[in-house]
Amino acid sequence: MGLDLEYFEKRVRSLEAALHRLQADLEDAHRIAGGIVSEYKTWRQNETPTRELMYRRLDELKEIGRPRCVFAKTLIFEYGVSRTKAYQMVRDYLHPATTHIAMP
């Protein structure tokens, strides 16, 4: 039983080609993801969300039944609000009587 060297070389070249295609696909996916992140950052820099917009988003979360622990995280991730400000806004949203801000 001898080793068919030609078959083995053909399989190695085939695997190398597949690896090359996979690497090209990964590079494309990385480039596309980088573009999406870049567009999002540009949008975030140009967009200044108002307090009312954020309160409306909290209303949406409340209506669809999201737990309270998601509220501040949503403000942080979607609007770029600092953690301290996000928790303060959620507290103001949930307990409007303790703040001087009128709720919409």
PDB file of N, CA and C in Angstrom:
ATOM      1  N   MET A   1       0.847  -1.177   0.000  1.00  0.00           N
ATOM      2  CA  MET A   1       0.000   0.000   0.000  1.00  0.00           C
ATOM      3  C   MET A   1       0.888   1.233   0.000  1.00  0.00           C
ATOM      4  N   GLY A   2       0.900   1.902  -1.095  1.00  0.00           N
ATOM      5  CA  GLY A   2       1.721   3.094  -1.198  1.00  0.00           C
ATOM      6  C   GLY A   2       0.877   4.350  -1.075  1.00  0.00           C
ATOM      7  N   LEU A   3       1.521   5.396  -0.698  1.00  0.00           N
ATOM      8  CA  LEU A   3       0.863   6.686  -0.563  1.00  0.00           C
ATOM      9  C   LEU A   3       0.811   7.348  -1.934  1.00  0.00           C
ATOM     10  N   ASP A   4      -0.367   7.715  -2.362  1.00  0.00           N
ATOM     11  CA  ASP A   4      -0.529   8.386  -3.646  1.00  0.00           C
ATOM     12  C   ASP A   4      -0.174   9.857  -3.457  1.00  0.00           C
ATOM     13  N   LEU A   5       1.071  10.196  -3.793  1.00  0.00           N
ATOM     14  CA  LEU A   5       1.601  11.532  -3.556  1.00  0.00           C
ATOM     15  C   LEU A   5       0.858  12.593  -4.372  1.00  0.00           C
ATOM     16  N   GLU A   6       0.491  12.257  -5.577  1.00  0.00           N
ATOM     17  CA  GLU A   6      -0.216  13.221  -6.425  1.00  0.00           C
ATOM     18  C   GLU A   6      -1.579  13.575  -5.825  1.00  0.00           C
ATOM     19  N   TYR A   7      -2.302  12.564  -5.358  1.00  0.00           N
ATOM     20  CA  TYR A   7      -3.606  12.801  -4.723  1.00  0.00           C
ATOM     21  C   TYR A   7      -3.431  13.654  -3.469  1.00  0.00           C
ATOM     22  N   PHE A   8      -2.428  13.330  -2.668  1.00  0.00           N
ATOM     23  CA  PHE A   8      -2.169  14.072  -1.431  1.00  0.00           C
ATOM     24  C   PHE A   8      -1.866  15.545  -1.735  1.00  0.00           C
ATOM     25  N   GLU A   9      -1.024  15.806  -2.734  1.00  0.00           N
ATOM     26  CA  GLU A   9      -0.700  17.181  -3.105  1.00  0.00           C
ATOM     27  C   GLU A   9      -1.927  17.934  -3.606  1.00  0.00           C
ATOM     28  N   LYS A  10      -2.764  17.236  -4.362  1.00  0.00           N
ATOM     29  CA  LYS A  10      -3.993  17.849  -4.872  1.00  0.00           C
ATOM     30  C   LYS A  10      -4.913  18.240  -3.712  1.00  0.00           C
ATOM     31  N   ARG A  11      -5.028  17.372  -2.718  1.00  0.00           N
ATOM     32  CA  ARG A  11      -5.873  17.652  -1.539  1.00  0.00           C
ATOM     33  C   ARG A  11      -5.316  18.833  -0.743  1.00  0.00           C
ATOM     34  N   VAL A  12      -3.996  18.898  -0.582  1.00  0.00           N
ATOM     35  CA  VAL A  12      -3.361  19.996   0.136  1.00  0.00           C
ATOM     36  C   VAL A  12      -3.623  21.312  -0.582  1.00  0.00           C
ATOM     37  N   ARG A  13      -3.470  21.328  -1.919  1.00  0.00           N
ATOM     38  CA  ARG A  13      -3.740  22.554  -2.691  1.00  0.00           C
ATOM     39  C   ARG A  13      -5.205  22.957  -2.570  1.00  0.00           C
ATOM     40  N   SER A  14      -6.085  21.975  -2.568  1.00  0.00           N
ATOM     41  CA  SER A  14      -7.512  22.250  -2.417  1.00  0.00           C
ATOM     42  C   SER A  14      -7.810  22.868  -1.049  1.00  0.00           C
ATOM     43  N   LEU A  15      -7.207  22.312  -0.012  1.00  0.00           N
ATOM     44  CA  LEU A  15      -7.392  22.862   1.337  1.00  0.00           C
ATOM     45  C   LEU A  15      -6.793  24.266   1.464  1.00  0.00           C
ATOM     46  N   GLU A  16      -5.637  24.479   0.830  1.00  0.00           N
ATOM     47  CA  GLU A  16      -5.030  25.814   0.852  1.00  0.00           C
ATOM     48  C   GLU A  16      -5.926  26.835   0.162  1.00  0.00           C
ATOM     49  N   ALA A  17      -6.523  26.437  -0.966  1.00  0.00           N
ATOM     50  CA  ALA A  17      -7.434  27.334  -1.690  1.00  0.00           C
ATOM     51  C   ALA A  17      -8.666  27.647  -0.844  1.00  0.00           C
ATOM     52  N   ALA A  18      -9.200  26.643  -0.186  1.00  0.00           N
ATOM     53  CA  ALA A  18     -10.363  26.852   0.677  1.00  0.00           C
ATOM     54  C   ALA A  18     -10.014  27.784   1.840  1.00  0.00           C
ATOM     55  N   LEU A  19      -8.846  27.586   2.409  1.00  0.00           N
ATOM     56  CA  LEU A  19      -8.390  28.455   3.496  1.00  0.00           C
ATOM     57  C   LEU A  19      -8.215  29.888   3.014  1.00  0.00           C
ATOM     58  N   HIS A  20      -7.686  30.053   1.820  1.00  0.00           N
ATOM     59  CA  HIS A  20      -7.512  31.388   1.251  1.00  0.00           C
ATOM     60  C   HIS A  20      -8.873  32.072   1.044  1.00  0.00           C
ATOM     61  N   ARG A  21      -9.845  31.328   0.511  1.00  0.00           N
ATOM     62  CA  ARG A  21     -11.205  31.885   0.327  1.00  0.00           C
ATOM     63  C   ARG A  21     -11.823  32.264   1.663  1.00  0.00           C
ATOM     64  N   LEU A  22     -11.655  31.425   2.656  1.00  0.00           N
ATOM     65  CA  LEU A  22     -12.187  31.712   3.987  1.00  0.00           C
ATOM     66  C   LEU A  22     -11.552  32.970   4.566  1.00  0.00           C
ATOM     67  N   GLN A  23     -10.249  33.102   4.402  1.00  0.00           N
ATOM     68  CA  GLN A  23      -9.553  34.276   4.906  1.00  0.00           C
ATOM     69  C   GLN A  23     -10.053  35.536   4.190  1.00  0.00           C
ATOM     70  N   ALA A  24     -10.265  35.465   2.884  1.00  0.00           N
ATOM     71  CA  ALA A  24     -10.786  36.608   2.134  1.00  0.00           C
ATOM     72  C   ALA A  24     -12.196  36.965   2.615  1.00  0.00           C
ATOM     73  N   ASP A  25     -13.024  35.947   2.869  1.00  0.00           N
ATOM     74  CA  ASP A  25     -14.379  36.196   3.377  1.00  0.00           C
ATOM     75  C   ASP A  25     -14.340  36.869   4.754  1.00  0.00           C
ATOM     76  N   LEU A  26     -13.444  36.408   5.614  1.00  0.00           N
ATOM     77  CA  LEU A  26     -13.309  37.009   6.942  1.00  0.00           C
ATOM     78  C   LEU A  26     -12.846  38.459   6.850  1.00  0.00           C
ATOM     79  N   GLU A  27     -11.925  38.734   5.936  1.00  0.00           N
ATOM     80  CA  GLU A  27     -11.460  40.109   5.751  1.00  0.00           C
ATOM     81  C   GLU A  27     -12.593  40.997   5.257  1.00  0.00           C
ATOM     82  N   ASP A  28     -13.420  40.471   4.335  1.00  0.00           N
ATOM     83  CA  ASP A  28     -14.576  41.230   3.851  1.00  0.00           C
ATOM     84  C   ASP A  28     -15.563  41.503   4.986  1.00  0.00           C
ATOM     85  N   ALA A  29     -15.834  40.469   5.785  1.00  0.00           N
ATOM     86  CA  ALA A  29     -16.768  40.638   6.901  1.00  0.00           C
ATOM     87  C   ALA A  29     -16.230  41.663   7.897  1.00  0.00           C
ATOM     88  N   HIS A  30     -14.929  41.625   8.157  1.00  0.00           N
ATOM     89  CA  HIS A  30     -14.315  42.583   9.082  1.00  0.00           C
ATOM     90  C   HIS A  30     -14.416  44.001   8.521  1.00  0.00           C
ATOM     91  N   ARG A  31     -14.184  44.157   7.223  1.00  0.00           N
ATOM     92  CA  ARG A  31     -14.285  45.468   6.578  1.00  0.00           C
ATOM     93  C   ARG A  31     -15.715  46.000   6.642  1.00  0.00           C
ATOM     94  N   ILE A  32     -16.678  45.147   6.377  1.00  0.00           N
ATOM     95  CA  ILE A  32     -18.087  45.556   6.418  1.00  0.00           C
ATOM     96  C   ILE A  32     -18.483  45.953   7.837  1.00  0.00           C
ATOM     97  N   ALA A  33     -18.089  45.148   8.818  1.00  0.00           N
ATOM     98  CA  ALA A  33     -18.410  45.465  10.217  1.00  0.00           C
ATOM     99  C   ALA A  33     -17.746  46.774  10.625  1.00  0.00           C
ATOM    100  N   GLY A  34     -16.512  47.004  10.195  1.00  0.00           N
ATOM    101  CA  GLY A  34     -15.831  48.263  10.496  1.00  0.00           C
ATOM    102  C   GLY A  34     -16.563  49.446   9.898  1.00  0.00           C
ATOM    103  N   GLY A  35     -17.080  49.284   8.694  1.00  0.00           N
ATOM    104  CA  GLY A  35     -17.860  50.349   8.054  1.00  0.00           C
ATOM    105  C   GLY A  35     -19.137  50.657   8.818  1.00  0.00           C
ATOM    106  N   ILE A  36     -19.808  49.609   9.291  1.00  0.00           N
ATOM    107  CA  ILE A  36     -21.043  49.804  10.054  1.00  0.00           C
ATOM    108  C   ILE A  36     -20.751  50.542  11.355  1.00  0.00           C
ATOM    109  N   VAL A  37     -19.695  50.134  12.049  1.00  0.00           N
ATOM    110  CA  VAL A  37     -19.321  50.795  13.300  1.00  0.00           C
ATOM    111  C   VAL A  37     -18.958  52.249  13.035  1.00  0.00           C
ATOM    112  N   SER A  38     -18.229  52.511  11.972  1.00  0.00           N
ATOM    113  CA  SER A  38     -17.836  53.874  11.627  1.00  0.00           C
ATOM    114  C   SER A  38     -19.066  54.744  11.333  1.00  0.00           C
ATOM    115  N   GLU A  39     -20.006  54.195  10.560  1.00  0.00           N
ATOM    116  CA  GLU A  39     -21.239  54.934  10.259  1.00  0.00           C
ATOM    117  C   GLU A  39     -22.024  55.216  11.530  1.00  0.00           C
ATOM    118  N   TYR A  40     -22.102  54.233  12.422  1.00  0.00           N
ATOM    119  CA  TYR A  40     -22.826  54.426  13.673  1.00  0.00           C
ATOM    120  C   TYR A  40     -22.172  55.517  14.513  1.00  0.00           C
ATOM    121  N   LYS A  41     -20.834  55.509  14.594  1.00  0.00           N
ATOM    122  CA  LYS A  41     -20.132  56.530  15.374  1.00  0.00           C
ATOM    123  C   LYS A  41     -20.375  57.914  14.796  1.00  0.00           C
ATOM    124  N   THR A  42     -20.350  58.020  13.473  1.00  0.00           N
ATOM    125  CA  THR A  42     -20.618  59.306  12.827  1.00  0.00           C
ATOM    126  C   THR A  42     -22.040  59.764  13.135  1.00  0.00           C
ATOM    127  N   TRP A  43     -22.988  58.844  13.033  1.00  0.00           N
ATOM    128  CA  TRP A  43     -24.381  59.180  13.329  1.00  0.00           C
ATOM    129  C   TRP A  43     -24.518  59.642  14.776  1.00  0.00           C
ATOM    130  N   ARG A  44     -23.868  58.923  15.702  1.00  0.00           N
ATOM    131  CA  ARG A  44     -23.949  59.274  17.125  1.00  0.00           C
ATOM    132  C   ARG A  44     -23.363  60.656  17.402  1.00  0.00           C
ATOM    133  N   GLN A  45     -22.275  61.001  16.703  1.00  0.00           N
ATOM    134  CA  GLN A  45     -21.655  62.305  16.910  1.00  0.00           C
ATOM    135  C   GLN A  45     -22.544  63.426  16.401  1.00  0.00           C
ATOM    136  N   ASN A  46     -23.272  63.173  15.317  1.00  0.00           N
ATOM    137  CA  ASN A  46     -24.123  64.209  14.724  1.00  0.00           C
ATOM    138  C   ASN A  46     -25.511  64.268  15.347  1.00  0.00           C
ATOM    139  N   GLU A  47     -25.894  63.232  16.014  1.00  0.00           N
ATOM    140  CA  GLU A  47     -27.228  63.137  16.614  1.00  0.00           C
ATOM    141  C   GLU A  47     -27.149  63.491  18.093  1.00  0.00           C
ATOM    142  N   THR A  48     -27.991  64.428  18.504  1.00  0.00           N
ATOM    143  CA  THR A  48     -28.040  64.754  19.933  1.00  0.00           C
ATOM    144  C   THR A  48     -29.433  64.416  20.447  1.00  0.00           C
ATOM    145  N   PRO A  49     -29.560  63.279  21.080  1.00  0.00           N
ATOM    146  CA  PRO A  49     -30.886  62.869  21.554  1.00  0.00           C
ATOM    147  C   PRO A  49     -31.357  63.751  22.719  1.00  0.00           C
ATOM    148  N   THR A  50     -32.608  64.081  22.687  1.00  0.00           N
ATOM    149  CA  THR A  50     -33.188  64.889  23.758  1.00  0.00           C
ATOM    150  C   THR A  50     -33.666  63.980  24.885  1.00  0.00           C
ATOM    151  N   ARG A  51     -33.887  64.583  26.020  1.00  0.00           N
ATOM    152  CA  ARG A  51     -34.410  63.851  27.171  1.00  0.00           C
ATOM    153  C   ARG A  51     -35.772  63.239  26.832  1.00  0.00           C
ATOM    154  N   GLU A  52     -36.594  63.995  26.092  1.00  0.00           N
ATOM    155  CA  GLU A  52     -37.926  63.493  25.717  1.00  0.00           C
ATOM    156  C   GLU A  52     -37.822  62.254  24.832  1.00  0.00           C
ATOM    157  N   LEU A  53     -36.858  62.272  23.900  1.00  0.00           N
ATOM    158  CA  LEU A  53     -36.649  61.109  23.034  1.00  0.00           C
ATOM    159  C   LEU A  53     -36.262  59.895  23.870  1.00  0.00           C
ATOM    160  N   MET A  54     -35.401  60.099  24.837  1.00  0.00           N
ATOM    161  CA  MET A  54     -34.973  58.984  25.687  1.00  0.00           C
ATOM    162  C   MET A  54     -36.124  58.484  26.561  1.00  0.00           C
ATOM    163  N   TYR A  55     -36.947  59.398  27.060  1.00  0.00           N
ATOM    164  CA  TYR A  55     -38.106  58.979  27.846  1.00  0.00           C
ATOM    165  C   TYR A  55     -39.096  58.205  26.977  1.00  0.00           C
ATOM    166  N   ARG A  56     -39.254  58.607  25.709  1.00  0.00           N
ATOM    167  CA  ARG A  56     -40.136  57.859  24.812  1.00  0.00           C
ATOM    168  C   ARG A  56     -39.602  56.445  24.592  1.00  0.00           C
ATOM    169  N   ARG A  57     -38.271  56.323  24.494  1.00  0.00           N
ATOM    170  CA  ARG A  57     -37.664  54.988  24.331  1.00  0.00           C
ATOM    171  C   ARG A  57     -37.906  54.140  25.575  1.00  0.00           C
ATOM    172  N   LEU A  58     -37.821  54.765  26.745  1.00  0.00           N
ATOM    173  CA  LEU A  58     -38.116  54.033  27.985  1.00  0.00           C
ATOM    174  C   LEU A  58     -39.583  53.605  28.016  1.00  0.00           C
ATOM    175  N   ASP A  59     -40.473  54.475  27.512  1.00  0.00           N
ATOM    176  CA  ASP A  59     -41.890  54.097  27.417  1.00  0.00           C
ATOM    177  C   ASP A  59     -42.064  52.865  26.536  1.00  0.00           C
ATOM    178  N   GLU A  60     -41.359  52.847  25.400  1.00  0.00           N
ATOM    179  CA  GLU A  60     -41.438  51.688  24.496  1.00  0.00           C
ATOM    180  C   GLU A  60     -40.976  50.415  25.198  1.00  0.00           C
ATOM    181  N   LEU A  61     -39.863  50.523  25.914  1.00  0.00           N
ATOM    182  CA  LEU A  61     -39.346  49.347  26.620  1.00  0.00           C
ATOM    183  C   LEU A  61     -40.333  48.863  27.668  1.00  0.00           C
ATOM    184  N   LYS A  62     -40.955  49.814  28.355  1.00  0.00           N
ATOM    185  CA  LYS A  62     -41.924  49.463  29.392  1.00  0.00           C
ATOM    186  C   LYS A  62     -43.143  48.776  28.778  1.00  0.00           C
ATOM    187  N   GLU A  63     -43.611  49.316  27.627  1.00  0.00           N
ATOM    188  CA  GLU A  63     -44.794  48.762  26.969  1.00  0.00           C
ATOM    189  C   GLU A  63     -44.568  47.346  26.453  1.00  0.00           C
ATOM    190  N   ILE A  64     -43.359  47.061  25.971  1.00  0.00           N
ATOM    191  CA  ILE A  64     -43.120  45.709  25.449  1.00  0.00           C
ATOM    192  C   ILE A  64     -42.712  44.740  26.552  1.00  0.00           C
ATOM    193  N   GLY A  65     -42.692  45.228  27.785  1.00  0.00           N
ATOM    194  CA  GLY A  65     -42.467  44.340  28.918  1.00  0.00           C
ATOM    195  C   GLY A  65     -41.015  44.035  29.231  1.00  0.00           C
ATOM    196  N   ARG A  66     -40.099  44.894  28.809  1.00  0.00           N
ATOM    197  CA  ARG A  66     -38.694  44.673  29.129  1.00  0.00           C
ATOM    198  C   ARG A  66     -38.467  44.918  30.618  1.00  0.00           C
ATOM    199  N   PRO A  67     -37.606  44.150  31.233  1.00  0.00           N
ATOM    200  CA  PRO A  67     -37.335  44.359  32.667  1.00  0.00           C
ATOM    201  C   PRO A  67     -36.623  45.690  32.916  1.00  0.00           C
ATOM    202  N   ARG A  68     -36.766  46.212  34.110  1.00  0.00           N
ATOM    203  CA  ARG A  68     -36.168  47.504  34.449  1.00  0.00           C
ATOM    204  C   ARG A  68     -34.661  47.517  34.291  1.00  0.00           C
ATOM    205  N   CYS A  69     -34.023  46.372  34.476  1.00  0.00           N
ATOM    206  CA  CYS A  69     -32.558  46.328  34.377  1.00  0.00           C
ATOM    207  C   CYS A  69     -32.081  46.675  32.967  1.00  0.00           C
ATOM    208  N   VAL A  70     -32.957  46.629  31.973  1.00  0.00           N
ATOM    209  CA  VAL A  70     -32.592  46.937  30.589  1.00  0.00           C
ATOM    210  C   VAL A  70     -32.646  48.447  30.333  1.00  0.00           C
ATOM    211  N   PHE A  71     -33.404  49.175  31.131  1.00  0.00           N
ATOM    212  CA  PHE A  71     -33.637  50.597  30.864  1.00  0.00           C
ATOM    213  C   PHE A  71     -32.338  51.391  30.755  1.00  0.00           C
ATOM    214  N   ALA A  72     -31.521  51.382  31.784  1.00  0.00           N
ATOM    215  CA  ALA A  72     -30.289  52.176  31.781  1.00  0.00           C
ATOM    216  C   ALA A  72     -29.318  51.669  30.721  1.00  0.00           C
ATOM    217  N   LYS A  73     -29.242  50.352  30.551  1.00  0.00           N
ATOM    218  CA  LYS A  73     -28.338  49.789  29.551  1.00  0.00           C
ATOM    219  C   LYS A  73     -28.720  50.258  28.153  1.00  0.00           C
ATOM    220  N   THR A  74     -30.015  50.374  27.891  1.00  0.00           N
ATOM    221  CA  THR A  74     -30.479  50.859  26.593  1.00  0.00           C
ATOM    222  C   THR A  74     -30.032  52.293  26.368  1.00  0.00           C
ATOM    223  N   LEU A  75     -30.183  53.140  27.383  1.00  0.00           N
ATOM    224  CA  LEU A  75     -29.756  54.537  27.246  1.00  0.00           C
ATOM    225  C   LEU A  75     -28.250  54.628  27.012  1.00  0.00           C
ATOM    226  N   ILE A  76     -27.513  53.771  27.678  1.00  0.00           N
ATOM    227  CA  ILE A  76     -26.046  53.780  27.530  1.00  0.00           C
ATOM    228  C   ILE A  76     -25.657  53.334  26.122  1.00  0.00           C
ATOM    229  N   PHE A  77     -26.214  52.214  25.664  1.00  0.00           N
ATOM    230  CA  PHE A  77     -25.811  51.652  24.375  1.00  0.00           C
ATOM    231  C   PHE A  77     -26.400  52.394  23.183  1.00  0.00           C
ATOM    232  N   GLU A  78     -27.674  52.782  23.250  1.00  0.00           N
ATOM    233  CA  GLU A  78     -28.320  53.398  22.097  1.00  0.00           C
ATOM    234  C   GLU A  78     -28.030  54.884  21.979  1.00  0.00           C
ATOM    235  N   TYR A  79     -27.864  55.563  23.106  1.00  0.00           N
ATOM    236  CA  TYR A  79     -27.711  57.015  23.053  1.00  0.00           C
ATOM    237  C   TYR A  79     -26.359  57.505  23.554  1.00  0.00           C
ATOM    238  N   GLY A  80     -25.515  56.616  23.996  1.00  0.00           N
ATOM    239  CA  GLY A  80     -24.188  57.026  24.445  1.00  0.00           C
ATOM    240  C   GLY A  80     -24.186  57.821  25.731  1.00  0.00           C
ATOM    241  N   VAL A  81     -25.220  57.648  26.535  1.00  0.00           N
ATOM    242  CA  VAL A  81     -25.333  58.356  27.805  1.00  0.00           C
ATOM    243  C   VAL A  81     -24.380  57.708  28.812  1.00  0.00           C
ATOM    244  N   SER A  82     -23.807  58.514  29.679  1.00  0.00           N
ATOM    245  CA  SER A  82     -22.922  57.935  30.690  1.00  0.00           C
ATOM    246  C   SER A  82     -23.746  57.065  31.637  1.00  0.00           C
ATOM    247  N   ARG A  83     -23.082  56.151  32.281  1.00  0.00           N
ATOM    248  CA  ARG A  83     -23.764  55.224  33.186  1.00  0.00           C
ATOM    249  C   ARG A  83     -24.473  55.986  34.314  1.00  0.00           C
ATOM    250  N   THR A  84     -23.775  56.955  34.905  1.00  0.00           N
ATOM    251  CA  THR A  84     -24.362  57.726  36.006  1.00  0.00           C
ATOM    252  C   THR A  84     -25.614  58.467  35.550  1.00  0.00           C
ATOM    253  N   LYS A  85     -25.507  59.137  34.391  1.00  0.00           N
ATOM    254  CA  LYS A  85     -26.652  59.886  33.869  1.00  0.00           C
ATOM    255  C   LYS A  85     -27.798  58.944  33.505  1.00  0.00           C
ATOM    256  N   ALA A  86     -27.473  57.786  32.954  1.00  0.00           N
ATOM    257  CA  ALA A  86     -28.513  56.832  32.568  1.00  0.00           C
ATOM    258  C   ALA A  86     -29.300  56.359  33.790  1.00  0.00           C
ATOM    259  N   TYR A  87     -28.594  55.998  34.851  1.00  0.00           N
ATOM    260  CA  TYR A  87     -29.303  55.540  36.059  1.00  0.00           C
ATOM    261  C   TYR A  87     -30.113  56.673  36.684  1.00  0.00           C
ATOM    262  N   GLN A  88     -29.591  57.904  36.621  1.00  0.00           N
ATOM    263  CA  GLN A  88     -30.335  59.052  37.131  1.00  0.00           C
ATOM    264  C   GLN A  88     -31.609  59.267  36.317  1.00  0.00           C
ATOM    265  N   MET A  89     -31.498  59.178  34.990  1.00  0.00           N
ATOM    266  CA  MET A  89     -32.677  59.362  34.142  1.00  0.00           C
ATOM    267  C   MET A  89     -33.716  58.272  34.374  1.00  0.00           C
ATOM    268  N   VAL A  90     -33.268  57.044  34.555  1.00  0.00           N
ATOM    269  CA  VAL A  90     -34.215  55.950  34.821  1.00  0.00           C
ATOM    270  C   VAL A  90     -34.904  56.187  36.159  1.00  0.00           C
ATOM    271  N   ARG A  91     -34.149  56.622  37.166  1.00  0.00           N
ATOM    272  CA  ARG A  91     -34.763  56.926  38.459  1.00  0.00           C
ATOM    273  C   ARG A  91     -35.796  58.049  38.314  1.00  0.00           C
ATOM    274  N   ASP A  92     -35.440  59.093  37.569  1.00  0.00           N
ATOM    275  CA  ASP A  92     -36.376  60.191  37.330  1.00  0.00           C
ATOM    276  C   ASP A  92     -37.607  59.713  36.563  1.00  0.00           C
ATOM    277  N   TYR A  93     -37.383  58.813  35.619  1.00  0.00           N
ATOM    278  CA  TYR A  93     -38.488  58.275  34.823  1.00  0.00           C
ATOM    279  C   TYR A  93     -39.439  57.442  35.674  1.00  0.00           C
ATOM    280  N   LEU A  94     -38.866  56.608  36.534  1.00  0.00           N
ATOM    281  CA  LEU A  94     -39.698  55.717  37.348  1.00  0.00           C
ATOM    282  C   LEU A  94     -40.342  56.425  38.528  1.00  0.00           C
ATOM    283  N   HIS A  95     -39.717  57.493  39.022  1.00  0.00           N
ATOM    284  CA  HIS A  95     -40.241  58.232  40.180  1.00  0.00           C
ATOM    285  C   HIS A  95     -40.292  59.718  39.871  1.00  0.00           C
ATOM    286  N   PRO A  96     -41.200  60.129  38.982  1.00  0.00           N
ATOM    287  CA  PRO A  96     -41.234  61.537  38.560  1.00  0.00           C
ATOM    288  C   PRO A  96     -41.613  62.507  39.677  1.00  0.00           C
ATOM    289  N   ALA A  97     -42.264  62.046  40.710  1.00  0.00           N
ATOM    290  CA  ALA A  97     -42.683  62.933  41.794  1.00  0.00           C
ATOM    291  C   ALA A  97     -41.500  63.459  42.591  1.00  0.00           C
ATOM    292  N   THR A  98     -40.383  62.742  42.568  1.00  0.00           N
ATOM    293  CA  THR A  98     -39.217  63.173  43.345  1.00  0.00           C
ATOM    294  C   THR A  98     -38.321  64.128  42.572  1.00  0.00           C
ATOM    295  N   THR A  99     -38.665  64.422  41.312  1.00  0.00           N
ATOM    296  CA  THR A  99     -37.850  65.326  40.505  1.00  0.00           C
ATOM    297  C   THR A  99     -38.658  66.561  40.136  1.00  0.00           C
ATOM    298  N   HIS A 100     -37.953  67.531  39.633  1.00  0.00           N
ATOM    299  CA  HIS A 100     -38.594  68.752  39.202  1.00  0.00           C
ATOM    300  C   HIS A 100     -38.906  68.748  37.715  1.00  0.00           C
ATOM    301  N   ILE A 101     -38.650  67.615  37.080  1.00  0.00           N
ATOM    302  CA  ILE A 101     -38.870  67.502  35.637  1.00  0.00           C
ATOM    303  C   ILE A 101     -40.294  67.002  35.390  1.00  0.00           C
ATOM    304  N   ALA A 102     -41.020  67.707  34.533  1.00  0.00           N
ATOM    305  CA  ALA A 102     -42.373  67.273  34.198  1.00  0.00           C
ATOM    306  C   ALA A 102     -42.275  66.173  33.168  1.00  0.00           C
ATOM    307  N   MET A 103     -42.987  65.107  33.404  1.00  0.00           N
ATOM    308  CA  MET A 103     -42.983  63.974  32.486  1.00  0.00           C
ATOM    309  C   MET A 103     -43.921  64.250  31.322  1.00  0.00           C
ATOM    310  N   PRO A 104     -43.540  63.787  30.121  1.00  0.00           N
ATOM    311  CA  PRO A 104     -44.436  63.970  28.954  1.00  0.00           C
ATOM    312  C   PRO A 104     -45.687  63.152  29.088  1.00  0.00           C
TER     313      PRO A 104
END
